[in-house]
């Protein structure tokens, strides 16, 4: 059980790096320098694909392991918190993946100069950062608390 939180935290670190990279892109003024343009283009493309993939893996891990454990808790508050977080994450996931779907068919050159894309990307980055902060401060400690109780119970039985 401790491995789950360790893995989720590692994924949060990776997502943070990707969000920071994309945020740097958003703050950058594009110039006519072709070498800079190609560097930015390939970096943005890599970061977007990696963000999408990492989020899919992260959400699958939460859905298969984190939420079921919390939702099966005997503690009513834990169940309610898990249900709330799960529903919020479903809404966030829908927004994030509709963003990727919306822009997946555009050429990267078109994306880079698209103001709507840049605005939506900033919103996605902000949403992901806020969510990771809440998970790190509330959800993961809750899971660790339940996991430590289960481990104590198992230890006592043996």
C-alpha atoms as a PDB file:
ATOM      1  CA  UNK A   1       0.000   0.000   0.000  1.00  0.00           C
ATOM      2  CA  UNK A   2       2.871   2.381   0.698  1.00  0.00           C
ATOM      3  CA  UNK A   3       4.081   1.723  -2.852  1.00  0.00           C
ATOM      4  CA  UNK A   4       0.870   3.179  -4.256  1.00  0.00           C
ATOM      5  CA  UNK A   5       1.390   6.561  -2.595  1.00  0.00           C
ATOM      6  CA  UNK A   6       5.061   6.531  -3.563  1.00  0.00           C
ATOM      7  CA  UNK A   7       4.095   5.903  -7.202  1.00  0.00           C
ATOM      8  CA  UNK A   8       1.375   8.560  -7.157  1.00  0.00           C
ATOM      9  CA  UNK A   9       3.823  11.097  -5.710  1.00  0.00           C
ATOM     10  CA  UNK A  10       6.381  10.234  -8.389  1.00  0.00           C
ATOM     11  CA  UNK A  11       3.711  10.762 -11.022  1.00  0.00           C
ATOM     12  CA  UNK A  12       2.812  14.090  -9.422  1.00  0.00           C
ATOM     13  CA  UNK A  13       6.455  15.105  -9.704  1.00  0.00           C
ATOM     14  CA  UNK A  14       6.479  14.124 -13.385  1.00  0.00           C
ATOM     15  CA  UNK A  15       3.207  15.977 -14.008  1.00  0.00           C
ATOM     16  CA  UNK A  16       4.647  19.047 -12.246  1.00  0.00           C
ATOM     17  CA  UNK A  17       7.715  19.015 -14.498  1.00  0.00           C
ATOM     18  CA  UNK A  18       5.500  18.737 -17.588  1.00  0.00           C
ATOM     19  CA  UNK A  19       3.180  21.511 -16.397  1.00  0.00           C
ATOM     20  CA  UNK A  20       6.179  23.728 -15.680  1.00  0.00           C
ATOM     21  CA  UNK A  21       7.560  23.068 -19.150  1.00  0.00           C
ATOM     22  CA  UNK A  22       4.249  23.957 -20.776  1.00  0.00           C
ATOM     23  CA  UNK A  23       3.852  26.976 -18.525  1.00  0.00           C
ATOM     24  CA  UNK A  24       7.293  28.190 -19.637  1.00  0.00           C
ATOM     25  CA  UNK A  25       6.125  27.860 -23.238  1.00  0.00           C
ATOM     26  CA  UNK A  26       3.039  29.947 -22.500  1.00  0.00           C
ATOM     27  CA  UNK A  27       5.170  32.724 -20.998  1.00  0.00           C
ATOM     28  CA  UNK A  28       7.585  32.763 -23.920  1.00  0.00           C
ATOM     29  CA  UNK A  29       7.255  35.278 -26.707  1.00  0.00           C
ATOM     30  CA  UNK A  30       7.611  33.568 -30.053  1.00  0.00           C
ATOM     31  CA  UNK A  31      10.202  35.067 -32.364  1.00  0.00           C
ATOM     32  CA  UNK A  32      11.047  34.579 -36.020  1.00  0.00           C
ATOM     33  CA  UNK A  33      14.168  32.569 -35.121  1.00  0.00           C
ATOM     34  CA  UNK A  34      13.591  29.224 -36.879  1.00  0.00           C
ATOM     35  CA  UNK A  35      15.896  27.193 -34.639  1.00  0.00           C
ATOM     36  CA  UNK A  36      14.102  28.506 -31.546  1.00  0.00           C
ATOM     37  CA  UNK A  37      10.746  27.832 -33.213  1.00  0.00           C
ATOM     38  CA  UNK A  38      11.639  24.168 -33.886  1.00  0.00           C
ATOM     39  CA  UNK A  39      12.991  23.687 -30.366  1.00  0.00           C
ATOM     40  CA  UNK A  40       9.843  25.123 -28.815  1.00  0.00           C
ATOM     41  CA  UNK A  41       7.638  23.159 -31.195  1.00  0.00           C
ATOM     42  CA  UNK A  42       9.222  19.807 -30.399  1.00  0.00           C
ATOM     43  CA  UNK A  43       9.272  20.571 -26.662  1.00  0.00           C
ATOM     44  CA  UNK A  44       5.600  21.501 -26.588  1.00  0.00           C
ATOM     45  CA  UNK A  45       4.617  18.474 -28.627  1.00  0.00           C
ATOM     46  CA  UNK A  46       6.624  16.129 -26.383  1.00  0.00           C
ATOM     47  CA  UNK A  47       5.245  17.705 -23.183  1.00  0.00           C
ATOM     48  CA  UNK A  48       1.632  17.555 -24.376  1.00  0.00           C
ATOM     49  CA  UNK A  49       1.879  13.896 -25.398  1.00  0.00           C
ATOM     50  CA  UNK A  50       3.682  12.979 -22.182  1.00  0.00           C
ATOM     51  CA  UNK A  51       1.168  14.927 -20.071  1.00  0.00           C
ATOM     52  CA  UNK A  52      -1.717  13.099 -21.713  1.00  0.00           C
ATOM     53  CA  UNK A  53      -0.077   9.684 -21.249  1.00  0.00           C
ATOM     54  CA  UNK A  54       1.011  10.311 -17.666  1.00  0.00           C
ATOM     55  CA  UNK A  55      -2.439  11.565 -16.709  1.00  0.00           C
ATOM     56  CA  UNK A  56      -4.076   8.474 -18.186  1.00  0.00           C
ATOM     57  CA  UNK A  57      -1.762   6.187 -16.218  1.00  0.00           C
ATOM     58  CA  UNK A  58      -2.166   8.237 -13.049  1.00  0.00           C
ATOM     59  CA  UNK A  59      -5.957   8.277 -13.216  1.00  0.00           C
ATOM     60  CA  UNK A  60      -6.113   4.550 -13.920  1.00  0.00           C
ATOM     61  CA  UNK A  61      -3.975   3.876 -10.852  1.00  0.00           C
ATOM     62  CA  UNK A  62      -6.208   6.064  -8.690  1.00  0.00           C
ATOM     63  CA  UNK A  63      -9.388   4.484 -10.064  1.00  0.00           C
ATOM     64  CA  UNK A  64      -8.161   0.923  -9.615  1.00  0.00           C
ATOM     65  CA  UNK A  65      -6.413   1.214  -6.255  1.00  0.00           C
ATOM     66  CA  UNK A  66      -6.786   4.490  -4.373  1.00  0.00           C
ATOM     67  CA  UNK A  67     -10.512   5.169  -4.609  1.00  0.00           C
ATOM     68  CA  UNK A  68     -11.690   1.574  -4.060  1.00  0.00           C
ATOM     69  CA  UNK A  69      -9.704   1.374  -0.820  1.00  0.00           C
ATOM     70  CA  UNK A  70     -11.100   4.670   0.427  1.00  0.00           C
ATOM     71  CA  UNK A  71     -14.650   3.917  -0.710  1.00  0.00           C
ATOM     72  CA  UNK A  72     -14.558   0.565   1.108  1.00  0.00           C
ATOM     73  CA  UNK A  73     -13.578   2.198   4.388  1.00  0.00           C
ATOM     74  CA  UNK A  74     -15.839   1.679   7.371  1.00  0.00           C
ATOM     75  CA  UNK A  75     -15.428   5.348   8.236  1.00  0.00           C
ATOM     76  CA  UNK A  76     -18.342   7.336   6.770  1.00  0.00           C
ATOM     77  CA  UNK A  77     -16.295  10.558   6.465  1.00  0.00           C
ATOM     78  CA  UNK A  78     -13.572   8.743   4.530  1.00  0.00           C
ATOM     79  CA  UNK A  79     -16.159   7.296   2.148  1.00  0.00           C
ATOM     80  CA  UNK A  80     -17.788  10.693   1.635  1.00  0.00           C
ATOM     81  CA  UNK A  81     -14.435  12.375   1.028  1.00  0.00           C
ATOM     82  CA  UNK A  82     -13.419   9.672  -1.436  1.00  0.00           C
ATOM     83  CA  UNK A  83     -16.739   9.929  -3.258  1.00  0.00           C
ATOM     84  CA  UNK A  84     -16.405  13.710  -3.510  1.00  0.00           C
ATOM     85  CA  UNK A  85     -12.831  13.497  -4.790  1.00  0.00           C
ATOM     86  CA  UNK A  86     -13.723  10.754  -7.249  1.00  0.00           C
ATOM     87  CA  UNK A  87     -16.606  12.769  -8.700  1.00  0.00           C
ATOM     88  CA  UNK A  88     -14.474  15.923  -8.926  1.00  0.00           C
ATOM     89  CA  UNK A  89     -11.723  13.972 -10.666  1.00  0.00           C
ATOM     90  CA  UNK A  90     -14.199  12.590 -13.185  1.00  0.00           C
ATOM     91  CA  UNK A  91     -15.235  16.157 -14.027  1.00  0.00           C
ATOM     92  CA  UNK A  92     -11.620  17.349 -14.234  1.00  0.00           C
ATOM     93  CA  UNK A  93     -10.656  14.352 -16.387  1.00  0.00           C
ATOM     94  CA  UNK A  94     -13.479  15.080 -18.781  1.00  0.00           C
ATOM     95  CA  UNK A  95     -12.310  18.681 -19.201  1.00  0.00           C
ATOM     96  CA  UNK A  96      -8.652  17.755 -19.590  1.00  0.00           C
ATOM     97  CA  UNK A  97      -9.205  14.975 -22.101  1.00  0.00           C
ATOM     98  CA  UNK A  98     -11.698  17.017 -24.107  1.00  0.00           C
ATOM     99  CA  UNK A  99      -8.910  19.615 -24.366  1.00  0.00           C
ATOM    100  CA  UNK A 100      -6.542  16.980 -25.779  1.00  0.00           C
ATOM    101  CA  UNK A 101      -9.231  15.688 -28.121  1.00  0.00           C
ATOM    102  CA  UNK A 102     -10.042  19.192 -29.323  1.00  0.00           C
ATOM    103  CA  UNK A 103      -6.453  19.963 -30.281  1.00  0.00           C
ATOM    104  CA  UNK A 104      -5.129  16.541 -31.274  1.00  0.00           C
ATOM    105  CA  UNK A 105      -5.829  17.038 -34.975  1.00  0.00           C
ATOM    106  CA  UNK A 106      -4.338  20.491 -35.273  1.00  0.00           C
ATOM    107  CA  UNK A 107      -0.822  20.850 -36.548  1.00  0.00           C
ATOM    108  CA  UNK A 108       1.622  21.879 -33.865  1.00  0.00           C
ATOM    109  CA  UNK A 109       2.407  25.115 -35.722  1.00  0.00           C
ATOM    110  CA  UNK A 110      -1.282  26.022 -35.610  1.00  0.00           C
ATOM    111  CA  UNK A 111      -1.482  25.225 -31.917  1.00  0.00           C
ATOM    112  CA  UNK A 112       1.499  27.375 -31.009  1.00  0.00           C
ATOM    113  CA  UNK A 113      -0.096  30.540 -32.350  1.00  0.00           C
ATOM    114  CA  UNK A 114      -3.663  29.739 -31.282  1.00  0.00           C
ATOM    115  CA  UNK A 115      -4.673  32.088 -28.428  1.00  0.00           C
ATOM    116  CA  UNK A 116      -7.629  29.915 -27.432  1.00  0.00           C
ATOM    117  CA  UNK A 117      -5.308  26.902 -27.123  1.00  0.00           C
ATOM    118  CA  UNK A 118      -2.907  28.907 -24.966  1.00  0.00           C
ATOM    119  CA  UNK A 119      -5.732  30.078 -22.683  1.00  0.00           C
ATOM    120  CA  UNK A 120      -7.182  26.597 -22.331  1.00  0.00           C
ATOM    121  CA  UNK A 121      -3.752  25.094 -21.722  1.00  0.00           C
ATOM    122  CA  UNK A 122      -3.161  27.566 -18.894  1.00  0.00           C
ATOM    123  CA  UNK A 123      -6.494  26.565 -17.369  1.00  0.00           C
ATOM    124  CA  UNK A 124      -5.599  22.863 -17.675  1.00  0.00           C
ATOM    125  CA  UNK A 125      -2.189  23.405 -16.066  1.00  0.00           C
ATOM    126  CA  UNK A 126      -3.745  25.391 -13.213  1.00  0.00           C
ATOM    127  CA  UNK A 127      -6.415  22.741 -12.683  1.00  0.00           C
ATOM    128  CA  UNK A 128      -3.873  19.899 -12.598  1.00  0.00           C
ATOM    129  CA  UNK A 129      -1.635  21.774 -10.154  1.00  0.00           C
ATOM    130  CA  UNK A 130      -4.521  22.543  -7.791  1.00  0.00           C
ATOM    131  CA  UNK A 131      -5.741  18.977  -7.922  1.00  0.00           C
ATOM    132  CA  UNK A 132      -2.306  17.516  -7.172  1.00  0.00           C
ATOM    133  CA  UNK A 133      -1.948  19.866  -4.203  1.00  0.00           C
ATOM    134  CA  UNK A 134      -5.292  18.737  -2.780  1.00  0.00           C
ATOM    135  CA  UNK A 135      -4.449  15.078  -3.349  1.00  0.00           C
ATOM    136  CA  UNK A 136      -1.081  15.491  -1.626  1.00  0.00           C
ATOM    137  CA  UNK A 137      -2.609  17.343   1.327  1.00  0.00           C
ATOM    138  CA  UNK A 138      -5.861  15.417   1.824  1.00  0.00           C
ATOM    139  CA  UNK A 139      -6.375  12.267  -0.205  1.00  0.00           C
ATOM    140  CA  UNK A 140      -2.962  10.613   0.028  1.00  0.00           C
ATOM    141  CA  UNK A 141      -2.648  11.111   3.822  1.00  0.00           C
ATOM    142  CA  UNK A 142      -6.151   9.680   4.215  1.00  0.00           C
ATOM    143  CA  UNK A 143      -5.128   6.626   2.224  1.00  0.00           C
ATOM    144  CA  UNK A 144      -1.912   6.261   4.248  1.00  0.00           C
ATOM    145  CA  UNK A 145      -3.914   6.425   7.477  1.00  0.00           C
ATOM    146  CA  UNK A 146      -6.227   3.636   6.326  1.00  0.00           C
ATOM    147  CA  UNK A 147      -3.325   1.598   4.992  1.00  0.00           C
ATOM    148  CA  UNK A 148      -1.441   1.873   8.287  1.00  0.00           C
ATOM    149  CA  UNK A 149      -4.539   0.686  10.183  1.00  0.00           C
ATOM    150  CA  UNK A 150      -4.826  -2.313   7.863  1.00  0.00           C
ATOM    151  CA  UNK A 151      -1.133  -3.110   8.312  1.00  0.00           C
ATOM    152  CA  UNK A 152      -1.494  -2.940  12.115  1.00  0.00           C
ATOM    153  CA  UNK A 153      -4.480  -5.239  11.941  1.00  0.00           C
ATOM    154  CA  UNK A 154      -2.609  -7.771   9.833  1.00  0.00           C
ATOM    155  CA  UNK A 155       0.367  -7.606  12.178  1.00  0.00           C
ATOM    156  CA  UNK A 156      -1.808  -8.279  15.228  1.00  0.00           C
ATOM    157  CA  UNK A 157      -3.442 -11.299  13.611  1.00  0.00           C
ATOM    158  CA  UNK A 158      -0.110 -12.946  12.967  1.00  0.00           C
END
